[in-house]
Each structure stands twice: as C-alpha cells, then as structure tokens.
Amino acid sequence: MQTDRIILRPWRDSDAETLFKYASDPEVGPRAGWAPHQSVEESLEIIRTVFNDALNTWAIELKATGEAIGAMGYGPSCDCKLPARENEPICGYWVAKPYWNQGICTEALRLMLDHIRKTTEIKSLVSGHFIDNPASGRVMEKCGFVPTGETCIDETQYQGEGRPIRVLRLELYCQSCGMPLTNEILGTNADGSQNGEYCIYCYKDGAFTGDFTMEEMVEFCSQFVDEFNKNTGQCLSREEYKGVLRQYYPNLKRWQLPADQLPHATSPIKQQLIDEVNALGIKDMPRIDNLFVLQGSFVNMEYTINGNKVKLLDDNATYWGNQVEKGDGRCFGIACDEHHILVSEYGKDGADAEIVILKRR
C-alpha cells in the first residue's frame, strides 16, 4: 500500500535501529499508551514479537528516506478497555516526532482504511485517544471517525491510570442504506464537514435527503439486486433481496432512532422537482412520490443522437433522481438538478436508453 509520500509495509529486523531512534523519544510512546524503548535490542524484540506477530500491523515508510517513521494497524479489541462491539477491531497508530503536523498519520490511516474496505467485510472500527493528546483525535475525525460520547480509563496502557480516553468509531457502511463508505461518498454535516456515518446519497448538509420509512428504503435499494449478486456471487431475485435488506436494516443507526430524533430532509427544490416531473404527464409513467440524491456516474446513460453515442450528465455531479418501472420490462429514469429535468426510458442495466424528455427549468 502506498501514496506519493509513504508506503505501508511489514516491519523488518533491519528497522530496529530506526525504530529505537524514534520510539525512545519520551514524547512519543506515552501519548499512544506505550513506554519509550530502552535499547535497540528491545526494539528488535518488539518488531519480532509484537509487530510481526500481528497480521495487520505495518511500518509507515517514508519514501524520501526509506526509514520506518511510525506504525499503523488494526486488530482484535479483546485486550483493551475500549467499549468495542462484538468482534469489532480497534485501530491504532503513531508517527515519529520529526514528522508531526505534516499530515502523514492522516495519509497512512486513510490508506489503511481503503485497504480494509477493499479486502475485508469489517463493518466498523473503534479507536480512541488520551484527552491530553487531541492531535490524535483530529487525525481520526479527518478520516471519518465520529466521537461516541464515551470516555474510558485503561490502566493497562502505559501511564493509563487517571488518563481518560475519548472513544471514536468509524462505520464502514452507510447507516441508512448499507452502502460501503469511502472518503469520496461520505455525507456532509450542516457546516459542510464530512459525516462518517452516512453516504452523500442519504445524508447531505446535516439532514437526510429523503423522508421515507425503512420499508421504502428497502423498496428503493432492492432495484440494485443485480449489483449485489455480482459482488457476492449469489443469484437472488428482487423479492429475495428485499428479505435480506429487511433483516439487515434494523441493525443500522438510522432505523434504530426514534422518528422525532431524525434530521428530516427539508430541501425546497426536492418537492418542486417532484411536482414538476409529475406535471409533465408522461404516458405510462407512474406518479413519483420521492426523489433521491444519486451520483452522476450512476444515472448518466448513453444515448444515440444523430448516430453518435453521447452522455448528457456529469459523472462527478449529484442529481435528484429515481427509477420507476414502466410495466413492459423497461424503466423510466429521472435525473434533475436546479437547471434541467431529464426523463429517460431504458431496459435492464440501462440497455437501449432513450430520451423521453429533456426540459430546461
């Protein structure tokens, strides 16, 4: 795993001297809950028995020097006092003092999280930092971790007695629709910052993008059964996939909240667009009651116009949209923004897409 500046790689015996150079600094270890190293021999022993005994612990190598300047990893939470869920891993990290405040820890954590999302089925991670080390918490929050509101004391940590640990958690699946979360599709809070619990399609500017029930969410997301089958190797029908979602969704945060605690969607343009689409009176198209925030790349169909293949939307933009069945095996797709309304018709997987109407608002 690597970026332009760093590599996450296994620890080597040859890293012992460098590890001692940085881990012997009394300002480094105690911030992360471990004692400063006392000798190169101790550092070598830790590489062999701690770092390399763990399956998911890496050295942070600085490409410019080839040195291991820190550690990044995750693993079982059974030996720590953080309030972890059942089988929920804990993640931790540190970086050498000369490299503080350069964004290296944030870069390394994002790299590891991307690896976890691509190679595991882990649903969440828990972590924490001593409240006298707020910089570590800022790293977590930049990567989508959200404070749980809990603190704990872990006296098994070096100098852990009497030092409260602030607990944070990262949900790796949207807590509304169950979509895998990546940095690119994180929702946004009211102040514009990223939200680490919901995707941008479900949660934008501090509110949910659609006011609907869990059953309505099941109905909407069940249309993606083909993608689910492709990713899992299964062959479920749409109705069977609805059953899977009905079992899964009650575990998600959104559907556990009382209705009066939900930050409801209040976007004026959404209702205006619903009214305008229904007013078009398109033959055979059912009345729509809801629109969802959809990524441009998902709704950007390819059309044949004057013999040329063209796309009309921006893959990187978001649109208010929906899909409704026409009744003959084809579907109507709606994609709207503040400037245009596009209604198209297409077959399975967007085949033979045709423009029904493209209207400037």
Foldseek 3Di string as FASTA:
>chain_A
DDDPWKDWAQDDLVQLVVCLVQQQPQVWQVQQQAGRDDDSVSSSVCSVPPRVVDPFKTFIATPVVRHRFKIWGKDDPPPWDPPDDVRAIEIDMTGGPVCPPVCSLLVVVLVVLVVCLVPHPHFKYKYWGFPVCCVVVVSVVLQAWDFPPDWDFTPVGHVRPPTIITMTMAGQAALQQRHGDHPLFFEADLVGHGHRRHGNFQHHNRAGQKDDALLVSLVQVLVCVVVVCVVPVDDDDSVVSSVVSVVPNCVGPVNVDDPVPHRHRDDPVFVVVLVVVVVVVDPLADRDDGWIKDACLQQFAWAQDPNDTDTDTDRHDIFTKGWDPSPPQKIWIWTDDQFWIWIWIAHPPRHHIDTPDIDTD
